[in-house]
C-alpha cells in the first residue's frame, strides 16, 4: 500500500481506521482472538484507506495549488478585460457622447418656494 511513501503518518492511519470502524459499525476483535493480527491490520488498512487516496496534508496542498491556479487565471482574465476596456475607451466615450447628444437630459422642473 505504501502509505508512508504517499505521505500518511501513523496517527492519520490510526484515525482513519477508527473513523471507518465507527461508521461501518465494525467491532475490532481483541488481539488474543485474532488468528493473524498482522493480516487483520492489513485488511483494516485496505478497507479504511483506499489505494488512490492522498494523505490529508497532500490533499490540502493539492487544493491550495488548485485555488492558487484558479486565482491566477481569474486575475489574468480580469487584467485582460481591463486591458480590453482601456483599448476601447475612445469608442466607449464616443458612444456615450452620441447617446448624450441623442437623448439630452431634460431640465428639472424648477420649484418655486413661496
N, C-alpha and C. Protein backbone atom coordinates (compact mmCIF):
# COMPACT_ATOMS: atom_id res chain seq x y z
N UNK A 1 0.81 -1.20 0.00
CA UNK A 1 0.00 0.00 0.00
C UNK A 1 0.85 1.25 0.00
N UNK A 2 2.02 1.19 0.60
CA UNK A 2 2.97 2.30 0.60
C UNK A 2 2.35 3.59 1.12
N UNK A 3 1.69 3.50 2.24
CA UNK A 3 1.03 4.68 2.80
C UNK A 3 2.04 5.72 3.26
N UNK A 4 3.12 5.28 3.87
CA UNK A 4 4.13 6.22 4.35
C UNK A 4 4.77 6.95 3.18
N UNK A 5 5.03 6.24 2.09
CA UNK A 5 5.62 6.88 0.92
C UNK A 5 4.67 7.90 0.30
N UNK A 6 3.36 7.69 0.50
CA UNK A 6 2.37 8.63 -0.03
C UNK A 6 2.08 9.76 0.94
N UNK A 7 2.81 9.81 2.06
CA UNK A 7 2.69 10.94 2.98
C UNK A 7 1.80 10.72 4.19
N UNK A 8 1.32 9.51 4.41
CA UNK A 8 0.46 9.24 5.56
C UNK A 8 1.32 9.09 6.81
N UNK A 9 0.86 9.66 7.91
CA UNK A 9 1.52 9.44 9.19
C UNK A 9 0.78 8.32 9.92
N UNK A 10 1.42 7.76 10.92
CA UNK A 10 0.80 6.67 11.69
C UNK A 10 -0.48 7.16 12.36
N UNK A 11 -0.44 8.37 12.90
CA UNK A 11 -1.63 8.91 13.57
C UNK A 11 -2.78 9.08 12.59
N UNK A 12 -2.49 9.54 11.39
CA UNK A 12 -3.55 9.69 10.38
C UNK A 12 -4.14 8.34 9.99
N UNK A 13 -3.29 7.33 9.90
CA UNK A 13 -3.77 5.98 9.56
C UNK A 13 -4.66 5.44 10.67
N UNK A 14 -4.21 5.58 11.92
CA UNK A 14 -5.00 5.10 13.06
C UNK A 14 -6.33 5.85 13.13
N UNK A 15 -6.29 7.17 12.92
CA UNK A 15 -7.53 7.95 12.94
C UNK A 15 -8.48 7.50 11.84
N UNK A 16 -7.94 7.20 10.66
CA UNK A 16 -8.79 6.77 9.55
C UNK A 16 -9.41 5.40 9.85
N UNK A 17 -8.61 4.50 10.44
CA UNK A 17 -9.16 3.18 10.80
C UNK A 17 -10.26 3.33 11.84
N UNK A 18 -10.03 4.16 12.86
CA UNK A 18 -11.05 4.37 13.89
C UNK A 18 -12.32 4.97 13.30
N UNK A 19 -12.18 5.93 12.41
CA UNK A 19 -13.36 6.54 11.78
C UNK A 19 -14.11 5.51 10.95
N UNK A 20 -13.38 4.67 10.23
CA UNK A 20 -14.03 3.64 9.41
C UNK A 20 -14.76 2.63 10.30
N UNK A 21 -14.13 2.25 11.39
CA UNK A 21 -14.75 1.28 12.30
C UNK A 21 -16.04 1.86 12.87
N UNK A 22 -16.02 3.16 13.24
CA UNK A 22 -17.22 3.79 13.78
C UNK A 22 -18.33 3.87 12.75
N UNK A 23 -18.02 4.30 11.53
CA UNK A 23 -19.07 4.48 10.52
C UNK A 23 -19.60 3.14 10.01
N UNK A 24 -18.73 2.13 9.92
CA UNK A 24 -19.16 0.83 9.40
C UNK A 24 -19.77 -0.05 10.49
N UNK A 25 -19.61 0.35 11.74
CA UNK A 25 -20.16 -0.46 12.83
C UNK A 25 -19.38 -1.74 13.07
N UNK A 26 -18.12 -1.75 12.72
CA UNK A 26 -17.27 -2.93 12.92
C UNK A 26 -16.76 -2.93 14.36
N UNK A 27 -16.74 -4.11 14.96
CA UNK A 27 -16.16 -4.25 16.29
C UNK A 27 -14.79 -4.90 16.12
N UNK A 28 -13.75 -4.21 16.55
CA UNK A 28 -12.40 -4.75 16.42
C UNK A 28 -12.23 -5.89 17.41
N UNK A 29 -11.76 -7.00 16.90
CA UNK A 29 -11.55 -8.18 17.75
C UNK A 29 -10.37 -7.94 18.68
N UNK A 30 -10.45 -8.55 19.85
CA UNK A 30 -9.35 -8.45 20.80
C UNK A 30 -8.11 -9.11 20.21
N UNK A 31 -6.93 -8.59 20.51
CA UNK A 31 -5.71 -9.16 19.92
C UNK A 31 -5.55 -10.66 20.18
N UNK A 32 -6.01 -11.16 21.33
CA UNK A 32 -5.88 -12.59 21.62
C UNK A 32 -6.82 -13.43 20.76
N UNK A 33 -7.92 -12.84 20.30
CA UNK A 33 -8.90 -13.57 19.50
C UNK A 33 -8.56 -13.56 18.01
N UNK A 34 -7.58 -12.78 17.62
CA UNK A 34 -7.22 -12.68 16.20
C UNK A 34 -6.26 -13.80 15.84
N UNK A 35 -6.58 -14.52 14.78
CA UNK A 35 -5.73 -15.61 14.34
C UNK A 35 -4.44 -15.06 13.72
N UNK A 36 -4.58 -13.99 12.91
CA UNK A 36 -3.43 -13.38 12.24
C UNK A 36 -3.53 -11.86 12.43
N UNK A 37 -2.98 -11.33 13.53
CA UNK A 37 -3.13 -9.90 13.81
C UNK A 37 -2.56 -9.00 12.71
N UNK A 38 -1.45 -9.40 12.12
CA UNK A 38 -0.87 -8.59 11.05
C UNK A 38 -1.76 -8.60 9.81
N UNK A 39 -2.31 -9.74 9.49
CA UNK A 39 -3.25 -9.82 8.37
C UNK A 39 -4.51 -9.01 8.65
N UNK A 40 -4.96 -9.05 9.90
CA UNK A 40 -6.14 -8.27 10.30
C UNK A 40 -5.87 -6.78 10.13
N UNK A 41 -4.67 -6.35 10.55
CA UNK A 41 -4.29 -4.95 10.38
C UNK A 41 -4.23 -4.58 8.91
N UNK A 42 -3.64 -5.45 8.10
CA UNK A 42 -3.56 -5.18 6.65
C UNK A 42 -4.96 -5.07 6.05
N UNK A 43 -5.87 -5.94 6.48
CA UNK A 43 -7.25 -5.87 5.98
C UNK A 43 -7.90 -4.56 6.38
N UNK A 44 -7.71 -4.15 7.66
CA UNK A 44 -8.28 -2.89 8.12
C UNK A 44 -7.72 -1.71 7.32
N UNK A 45 -6.42 -1.77 7.02
CA UNK A 45 -5.81 -0.69 6.23
C UNK A 45 -6.41 -0.64 4.82
N UNK A 46 -6.55 -1.81 4.19
CA UNK A 46 -7.11 -1.84 2.82
C UNK A 46 -8.53 -1.33 2.79
N UNK A 47 -9.30 -1.67 3.81
CA UNK A 47 -10.70 -1.27 3.84
C UNK A 47 -10.85 0.21 4.20
N UNK A 48 -10.05 0.69 5.15
CA UNK A 48 -10.21 2.05 5.66
C UNK A 48 -9.57 3.11 4.77
N UNK A 49 -8.46 2.78 4.13
CA UNK A 49 -7.74 3.76 3.31
C UNK A 49 -7.70 3.27 1.87
N UNK A 50 -8.48 3.86 0.98
CA UNK A 50 -8.43 3.45 -0.43
C UNK A 50 -7.04 3.64 -1.02
N UNK A 51 -6.69 2.81 -1.97
CA UNK A 51 -5.34 2.81 -2.53
C UNK A 51 -5.00 4.11 -3.25
N UNK A 52 -5.99 4.80 -3.80
CA UNK A 52 -5.70 6.01 -4.56
C UNK A 52 -5.90 7.29 -3.76
N UNK A 53 -6.20 7.18 -2.47
CA UNK A 53 -6.46 8.37 -1.67
C UNK A 53 -5.17 9.03 -1.24
N UNK A 54 -5.14 10.35 -1.34
CA UNK A 54 -3.97 11.12 -0.92
C UNK A 54 -3.97 11.28 0.59
N UNK A 55 -2.78 11.50 1.12
CA UNK A 55 -2.67 11.80 2.54
C UNK A 55 -3.36 13.14 2.80
N UNK A 56 -3.87 13.34 4.02
CA UNK A 56 -4.60 14.58 4.30
C UNK A 56 -3.80 15.84 3.98
N UNK A 57 -2.53 15.91 4.37
CA UNK A 57 -1.79 17.13 4.09
C UNK A 57 -1.48 17.27 2.60
N UNK A 58 -1.35 16.15 1.89
CA UNK A 58 -1.16 16.21 0.44
C UNK A 58 -2.43 16.72 -0.24
N UNK A 59 -3.58 16.27 0.24
CA UNK A 59 -4.86 16.72 -0.31
C UNK A 59 -5.03 18.23 -0.09
N UNK A 60 -4.66 18.70 1.11
CA UNK A 60 -4.75 20.13 1.40
C UNK A 60 -3.80 20.91 0.50
N UNK A 61 -2.60 20.40 0.31
CA UNK A 61 -1.64 21.07 -0.56
C UNK A 61 -2.14 21.11 -2.00
N UNK A 62 -2.74 20.02 -2.46
CA UNK A 62 -3.28 19.99 -3.82
C UNK A 62 -4.43 20.98 -3.97
N UNK A 63 -5.32 21.04 -2.98
CA UNK A 63 -6.42 22.00 -3.03
C UNK A 63 -5.89 23.43 -3.03
N UNK A 64 -4.83 23.69 -2.26
CA UNK A 64 -4.23 25.02 -2.23
C UNK A 64 -3.66 25.37 -3.59
N UNK A 65 -2.97 24.41 -4.22
CA UNK A 65 -2.42 24.67 -5.56
C UNK A 65 -3.54 24.95 -6.56
N UNK A 66 -4.64 24.19 -6.47
CA UNK A 66 -5.76 24.42 -7.38
C UNK A 66 -6.39 25.79 -7.16
N UNK A 67 -6.54 26.19 -5.88
CA UNK A 67 -7.09 27.52 -5.60
C UNK A 67 -6.17 28.61 -6.13
N UNK A 68 -4.86 28.44 -5.95
CA UNK A 68 -3.92 29.43 -6.45
C UNK A 68 -3.96 29.52 -7.97
N UNK A 69 -4.10 28.38 -8.64
CA UNK A 69 -4.18 28.38 -10.10
C UNK A 69 -5.47 29.06 -10.56
N UNK A 70 -6.59 28.78 -9.88
CA UNK A 70 -7.85 29.45 -10.24
C UNK A 70 -7.75 30.96 -10.01
N UNK A 71 -7.13 31.36 -8.90
CA UNK A 71 -6.98 32.79 -8.61
C UNK A 71 -6.09 33.46 -9.66
N UNK A 72 -5.01 32.78 -10.06
CA UNK A 72 -4.13 33.34 -11.09
C UNK A 72 -4.86 33.46 -12.42
N UNK A 73 -5.65 32.45 -12.77
CA UNK A 73 -6.41 32.50 -14.02
C UNK A 73 -7.44 33.62 -13.97
N UNK A 74 -8.11 33.78 -12.83
CA UNK A 74 -9.10 34.85 -12.68
C UNK A 74 -8.43 36.22 -12.76
N UNK A 75 -7.27 36.34 -12.13
CA UNK A 75 -6.52 37.60 -12.18
C UNK A 75 -6.09 37.92 -13.60
N UNK A 76 -5.64 36.91 -14.33
CA UNK A 76 -5.24 37.13 -15.73
C UNK A 76 -6.44 37.53 -16.57
N UNK A 77 -7.58 36.89 -16.34
CA UNK A 77 -8.79 37.23 -17.09
C UNK A 77 -9.23 38.66 -16.77
N UNK A 78 -9.15 39.05 -15.49
CA UNK A 78 -9.50 40.42 -15.11
C UNK A 78 -8.57 41.43 -15.76
N UNK A 79 -7.27 41.12 -15.76
CA UNK A 79 -6.30 42.03 -16.38
C UNK A 79 -6.55 42.15 -17.88
N UNK A 80 -6.87 41.04 -18.53
CA UNK A 80 -7.16 41.08 -19.97
C UNK A 80 -8.42 41.90 -20.24
N UNK A 81 -9.43 41.74 -19.39
CA UNK A 81 -10.67 42.52 -19.56
C UNK A 81 -10.41 44.00 -19.36
N UNK A 82 -9.61 44.36 -18.33
CA UNK A 82 -9.27 45.77 -18.11
C UNK A 82 -8.49 46.33 -19.29
N UNK A 83 -7.58 45.54 -19.83
CA UNK A 83 -6.80 45.99 -20.99
C UNK A 83 -7.71 46.20 -22.20
N UNK A 84 -8.68 45.31 -22.38
CA UNK A 84 -9.62 45.45 -23.49
C UNK A 84 -10.46 46.72 -23.32
N UNK A 85 -10.92 46.98 -22.11
CA UNK A 85 -11.71 48.19 -21.86
C UNK A 85 -10.86 49.43 -22.10
N UNK A 86 -9.60 49.42 -21.64
CA UNK A 86 -8.71 50.55 -21.87
C UNK A 86 -8.48 50.77 -23.36
N UNK A 87 -8.34 49.68 -24.12
CA UNK A 87 -8.11 49.80 -25.56
C UNK A 87 -9.35 50.35 -26.27
N UNK A 88 -10.52 50.06 -25.75
CA UNK A 88 -11.76 50.50 -26.38
C UNK A 88 -12.31 51.77 -25.73
N UNK A 89 -11.52 52.43 -24.91
CA UNK A 89 -12.00 53.60 -24.16
C UNK A 89 -12.50 54.71 -25.09
N UNK A 90 -11.79 54.98 -26.17
CA UNK A 90 -12.21 56.05 -27.10
C UNK A 90 -13.56 55.71 -27.73
N UNK A 91 -13.75 54.48 -28.14
CA UNK A 91 -15.03 54.07 -28.74
C UNK A 91 -16.15 54.16 -27.70
N UNK A 92 -15.85 53.82 -26.46
CA UNK A 92 -16.85 53.90 -25.40
C UNK A 92 -17.25 55.35 -25.16
N UNK A 93 -16.26 56.22 -25.09
CA UNK A 93 -16.54 57.65 -24.88
C UNK A 93 -17.34 58.22 -26.04
N UNK A 94 -17.00 57.82 -27.28
CA UNK A 94 -17.74 58.30 -28.46
C UNK A 94 -19.19 57.83 -28.41
N UNK A 95 -19.40 56.59 -28.02
CA UNK A 95 -20.77 56.06 -27.92
C UNK A 95 -21.56 56.81 -26.85
N UNK A 96 -20.94 57.05 -25.70
CA UNK A 96 -21.62 57.80 -24.64
C UNK A 96 -21.94 59.22 -25.08
N UNK A 97 -21.01 59.87 -25.79
CA UNK A 97 -21.26 61.24 -26.27
C UNK A 97 -22.41 61.24 -27.27
N UNK A 98 -22.46 60.24 -28.15
CA UNK A 98 -23.56 60.16 -29.12
C UNK A 98 -24.89 59.94 -28.41
N UNK A 99 -24.89 59.12 -27.37
CA UNK A 99 -26.13 58.89 -26.62
C UNK A 99 -26.57 60.16 -25.91
N UNK A 100 -25.61 60.90 -25.34
CA UNK A 100 -25.97 62.15 -24.66
C UNK A 100 -26.52 63.17 -25.65
N UNK A 101 -25.96 63.18 -26.86
CA UNK A 101 -26.46 64.11 -27.88
C UNK A 101 -27.85 63.69 -28.35
N UNK A 102 -28.07 62.41 -28.49
CA UNK A 102 -29.36 61.92 -28.98
C UNK A 102 -30.44 62.03 -27.90
N UNK A 103 -30.08 61.80 -26.68
CA UNK A 103 -31.04 61.84 -25.58
C UNK A 103 -30.55 62.83 -24.53
N UNK A 104 -30.76 64.12 -24.79
CA UNK A 104 -30.27 65.10 -23.82
C UNK A 104 -31.05 65.00 -22.51
N UNK A 105 -30.40 65.40 -21.47
CA UNK A 105 -31.03 65.36 -20.16
C UNK A 105 -32.09 66.46 -20.09
N UNK A 106 -33.25 66.09 -19.64
CA UNK A 106 -34.32 67.07 -19.52
C UNK A 106 -34.07 67.94 -18.30
N UNK A 107 -34.37 69.22 -18.45
CA UNK A 107 -34.17 70.08 -17.29
C UNK A 107 -35.16 69.72 -16.18
N UNK A 108 -34.70 69.81 -14.98
CA UNK A 108 -35.56 69.52 -13.84
C UNK A 108 -36.54 70.67 -13.67
N UNK A 109 -37.76 70.36 -13.32
CA UNK A 109 -38.71 71.46 -13.09
C UNK A 109 -38.27 72.30 -11.90
N UNK A 110 -38.38 73.58 -12.08
CA UNK A 110 -37.98 74.50 -11.02
C UNK A 110 -39.08 74.56 -9.97
N UNK A 111 -38.69 74.51 -8.75
CA UNK A 111 -39.66 74.64 -7.67
C UNK A 111 -39.64 76.08 -7.19
N UNK A 112 -40.77 76.58 -7.05
CA UNK A 112 -40.88 77.93 -6.53
C UNK A 112 -41.17 77.83 -5.04
N UNK A 113 -40.33 78.45 -4.29
CA UNK A 113 -40.52 78.44 -2.84
C UNK A 113 -41.24 79.72 -2.47
N UNK A 114 -42.41 79.61 -2.05
CA UNK A 114 -43.20 80.78 -1.70
C UNK A 114 -43.42 80.80 -0.21
